[in-house]
């Protein structure tokens, strides 16, 4: 993955400013932060779910079949 230098960051910020305007940038960044937070939360939940499957004794029970 290539390194992003100061000039590249400056160009990206300039493009964001032109696309969204100065008043909407905080709103866009807030939404971006919330999205990243939700993604990390989901990833942690998946990892913890995989860890629970590996614990001994938890997988011994058979799931009950639906009545029918």
N, C-alpha and C. Protein backbone atom coordinates (compact mmCIF):
# COMPACT_ATOMS: atom_id res chain seq x y z
N UNK A 1 0.85 -1.17 0.00
CA UNK A 1 0.00 0.00 0.00
C UNK A 1 0.90 1.24 0.00
N UNK A 2 0.69 2.13 -0.95
CA UNK A 2 1.58 3.30 -1.03
C UNK A 2 1.33 4.27 0.12
N UNK A 3 2.40 4.97 0.46
CA UNK A 3 2.29 5.99 1.50
C UNK A 3 1.60 7.22 0.95
N UNK A 4 0.80 7.86 1.76
CA UNK A 4 0.10 9.07 1.36
C UNK A 4 0.85 10.23 2.00
N UNK A 5 1.36 11.10 1.16
CA UNK A 5 2.14 12.23 1.64
C UNK A 5 1.27 13.45 1.90
N UNK A 6 1.93 14.53 2.29
CA UNK A 6 1.23 15.77 2.62
C UNK A 6 0.48 16.33 1.41
N UNK A 7 1.11 16.30 0.25
CA UNK A 7 0.46 16.85 -0.96
C UNK A 7 -0.80 16.07 -1.31
N UNK A 8 -0.75 14.75 -1.20
CA UNK A 8 -1.91 13.94 -1.53
C UNK A 8 -3.07 14.22 -0.57
N UNK A 9 -2.76 14.36 0.71
CA UNK A 9 -3.79 14.67 1.70
C UNK A 9 -4.39 16.04 1.40
N UNK A 10 -3.55 16.99 1.05
CA UNK A 10 -4.02 18.33 0.72
C UNK A 10 -4.95 18.32 -0.49
N UNK A 11 -4.60 17.55 -1.51
CA UNK A 11 -5.44 17.44 -2.70
C UNK A 11 -6.78 16.79 -2.35
N UNK A 12 -6.75 15.74 -1.53
CA UNK A 12 -7.99 15.07 -1.13
C UNK A 12 -8.88 16.02 -0.36
N UNK A 13 -8.31 16.78 0.57
CA UNK A 13 -9.10 17.75 1.34
C UNK A 13 -9.68 18.84 0.45
N UNK A 14 -8.93 19.28 -0.53
CA UNK A 14 -9.42 20.29 -1.46
C UNK A 14 -10.59 19.75 -2.29
N UNK A 15 -10.49 18.52 -2.74
CA UNK A 15 -11.58 17.91 -3.51
C UNK A 15 -12.83 17.77 -2.65
N UNK A 16 -12.66 17.34 -1.39
CA UNK A 16 -13.79 17.21 -0.49
C UNK A 16 -14.44 18.57 -0.26
N UNK A 17 -13.63 19.59 -0.08
CA UNK A 17 -14.15 20.94 0.12
C UNK A 17 -14.95 21.41 -1.10
N UNK A 18 -14.45 21.13 -2.29
CA UNK A 18 -15.16 21.54 -3.50
C UNK A 18 -16.45 20.76 -3.70
N UNK A 19 -16.44 19.48 -3.36
CA UNK A 19 -17.63 18.65 -3.57
C UNK A 19 -18.74 18.95 -2.58
N UNK A 20 -18.39 19.11 -1.30
CA UNK A 20 -19.40 19.20 -0.27
C UNK A 20 -19.62 20.61 0.28
N UNK A 21 -18.68 21.49 0.12
CA UNK A 21 -18.80 22.82 0.68
C UNK A 21 -18.37 22.84 2.13
N UNK A 22 -18.04 24.02 2.61
CA UNK A 22 -17.47 24.13 3.95
C UNK A 22 -18.50 23.85 5.05
N UNK A 23 -19.78 24.06 4.80
CA UNK A 23 -20.79 23.86 5.83
C UNK A 23 -21.13 22.39 6.02
N UNK A 24 -20.97 21.57 4.99
CA UNK A 24 -21.37 20.16 5.09
C UNK A 24 -20.22 19.25 5.48
N UNK A 25 -18.99 19.72 5.48
CA UNK A 25 -17.84 18.86 5.79
C UNK A 25 -17.95 18.25 7.19
N UNK A 26 -18.29 19.02 8.25
CA UNK A 26 -18.41 18.38 9.57
C UNK A 26 -19.48 17.29 9.59
N UNK A 27 -20.59 17.51 8.90
CA UNK A 27 -21.65 16.51 8.84
C UNK A 27 -21.18 15.25 8.12
N UNK A 28 -20.47 15.42 7.03
CA UNK A 28 -19.96 14.28 6.26
C UNK A 28 -18.94 13.50 7.08
N UNK A 29 -18.04 14.21 7.76
CA UNK A 29 -17.02 13.54 8.57
C UNK A 29 -17.65 12.82 9.76
N UNK A 30 -18.67 13.39 10.35
CA UNK A 30 -19.38 12.75 11.46
C UNK A 30 -20.02 11.44 10.98
N UNK A 31 -20.66 11.49 9.83
CA UNK A 31 -21.29 10.29 9.28
C UNK A 31 -20.23 9.24 8.93
N UNK A 32 -19.09 9.68 8.42
CA UNK A 32 -18.00 8.77 8.10
C UNK A 32 -17.48 8.10 9.37
N UNK A 33 -17.31 8.87 10.44
CA UNK A 33 -16.85 8.33 11.70
C UNK A 33 -17.82 7.32 12.27
N UNK A 34 -19.13 7.61 12.18
CA UNK A 34 -20.14 6.66 12.67
C UNK A 34 -20.09 5.37 11.86
N UNK A 35 -19.89 5.49 10.57
CA UNK A 35 -19.80 4.30 9.73
C UNK A 35 -18.60 3.44 10.09
N UNK A 36 -17.46 4.07 10.33
CA UNK A 36 -16.26 3.33 10.72
C UNK A 36 -16.49 2.65 12.07
N UNK A 37 -17.12 3.37 13.02
CA UNK A 37 -17.40 2.81 14.33
C UNK A 37 -18.30 1.58 14.23
N UNK A 38 -19.35 1.67 13.41
CA UNK A 38 -20.27 0.54 13.23
C UNK A 38 -19.56 -0.65 12.59
N UNK A 39 -18.67 -0.37 11.64
CA UNK A 39 -17.93 -1.43 10.98
C UNK A 39 -17.03 -2.15 11.98
N UNK A 40 -16.32 -1.39 12.82
CA UNK A 40 -15.45 -1.99 13.81
C UNK A 40 -16.25 -2.80 14.83
N UNK A 41 -17.42 -2.28 15.22
CA UNK A 41 -18.27 -2.98 16.17
C UNK A 41 -18.73 -4.31 15.59
N UNK A 42 -19.14 -4.30 14.33
CA UNK A 42 -19.59 -5.53 13.68
C UNK A 42 -18.44 -6.53 13.56
N UNK A 43 -17.25 -6.04 13.26
CA UNK A 43 -16.09 -6.92 13.14
C UNK A 43 -15.76 -7.55 14.49
N UNK A 44 -15.85 -6.77 15.57
CA UNK A 44 -15.60 -7.32 16.91
C UNK A 44 -16.64 -8.36 17.27
N UNK A 45 -17.90 -8.11 16.93
CA UNK A 45 -18.96 -9.07 17.22
C UNK A 45 -18.73 -10.38 16.46
N UNK A 46 -18.30 -10.27 15.22
CA UNK A 46 -18.01 -11.49 14.46
C UNK A 46 -16.85 -12.26 15.07
N UNK A 47 -15.80 -11.53 15.49
CA UNK A 47 -14.66 -12.19 16.10
C UNK A 47 -15.05 -12.86 17.40
N UNK A 48 -15.84 -12.18 18.22
CA UNK A 48 -16.24 -12.77 19.50
C UNK A 48 -17.18 -13.96 19.26
N UNK A 49 -17.97 -13.91 18.22
CA UNK A 49 -18.83 -15.04 17.88
C UNK A 49 -18.02 -16.24 17.47
N UNK A 50 -16.93 -16.03 16.75
CA UNK A 50 -16.05 -17.13 16.36
C UNK A 50 -15.33 -17.69 17.56
N UNK A 51 -14.96 -16.85 18.52
CA UNK A 51 -14.28 -17.32 19.72
C UNK A 51 -15.21 -18.17 20.57
N UNK A 52 -16.48 -17.81 20.64
CA UNK A 52 -17.45 -18.58 21.42
C UNK A 52 -17.63 -19.97 20.84
N UNK A 53 -17.57 -20.09 19.52
CA UNK A 53 -17.73 -21.39 18.88
C UNK A 53 -16.57 -22.33 19.23
N UNK A 54 -15.40 -21.78 19.51
CA UNK A 54 -14.22 -22.58 19.78
C UNK A 54 -14.11 -23.02 21.23
N UNK A 55 -14.91 -22.42 22.13
CA UNK A 55 -14.83 -22.77 23.55
C UNK A 55 -15.37 -24.18 23.77
N UNK A 56 -14.67 -24.97 24.56
CA UNK A 56 -15.14 -26.33 24.83
C UNK A 56 -16.40 -26.32 25.69
N UNK A 57 -17.30 -27.26 25.40
CA UNK A 57 -18.50 -27.41 26.20
C UNK A 57 -19.69 -26.65 25.66
N UNK A 58 -19.48 -25.64 24.85
CA UNK A 58 -20.60 -24.87 24.34
C UNK A 58 -21.23 -25.51 23.12
N UNK A 59 -20.51 -26.29 22.39
CA UNK A 59 -21.04 -26.90 21.19
C UNK A 59 -21.53 -28.31 21.40
N UNK A 60 -21.61 -28.76 22.65
CA UNK A 60 -22.02 -30.13 22.92
C UNK A 60 -23.51 -30.36 22.73
N UNK A 61 -24.31 -29.33 22.94
CA UNK A 61 -25.76 -29.48 22.86
C UNK A 61 -26.22 -29.44 21.41
N UNK A 62 -27.19 -30.30 21.10
CA UNK A 62 -27.77 -30.29 19.77
C UNK A 62 -28.88 -29.26 19.73
N UNK A 63 -29.00 -28.51 18.65
CA UNK A 63 -30.11 -27.54 18.58
C UNK A 63 -31.43 -28.28 18.49
N UNK A 64 -32.45 -27.76 19.15
CA UNK A 64 -33.75 -28.41 19.13
C UNK A 64 -34.42 -28.16 17.77
N UNK A 65 -35.08 -29.18 17.28
CA UNK A 65 -35.74 -29.05 15.99
C UNK A 65 -37.10 -28.39 16.19
N UNK A 66 -37.56 -27.61 15.21
CA UNK A 66 -38.84 -26.95 15.36
C UNK A 66 -39.98 -27.96 15.37
N UNK A 67 -41.02 -27.66 16.13
CA UNK A 67 -42.17 -28.55 16.21
C UNK A 67 -42.90 -28.54 14.88
N UNK A 68 -43.27 -29.69 14.41
CA UNK A 68 -43.98 -29.63 13.13
C UNK A 68 -44.24 -30.91 12.57
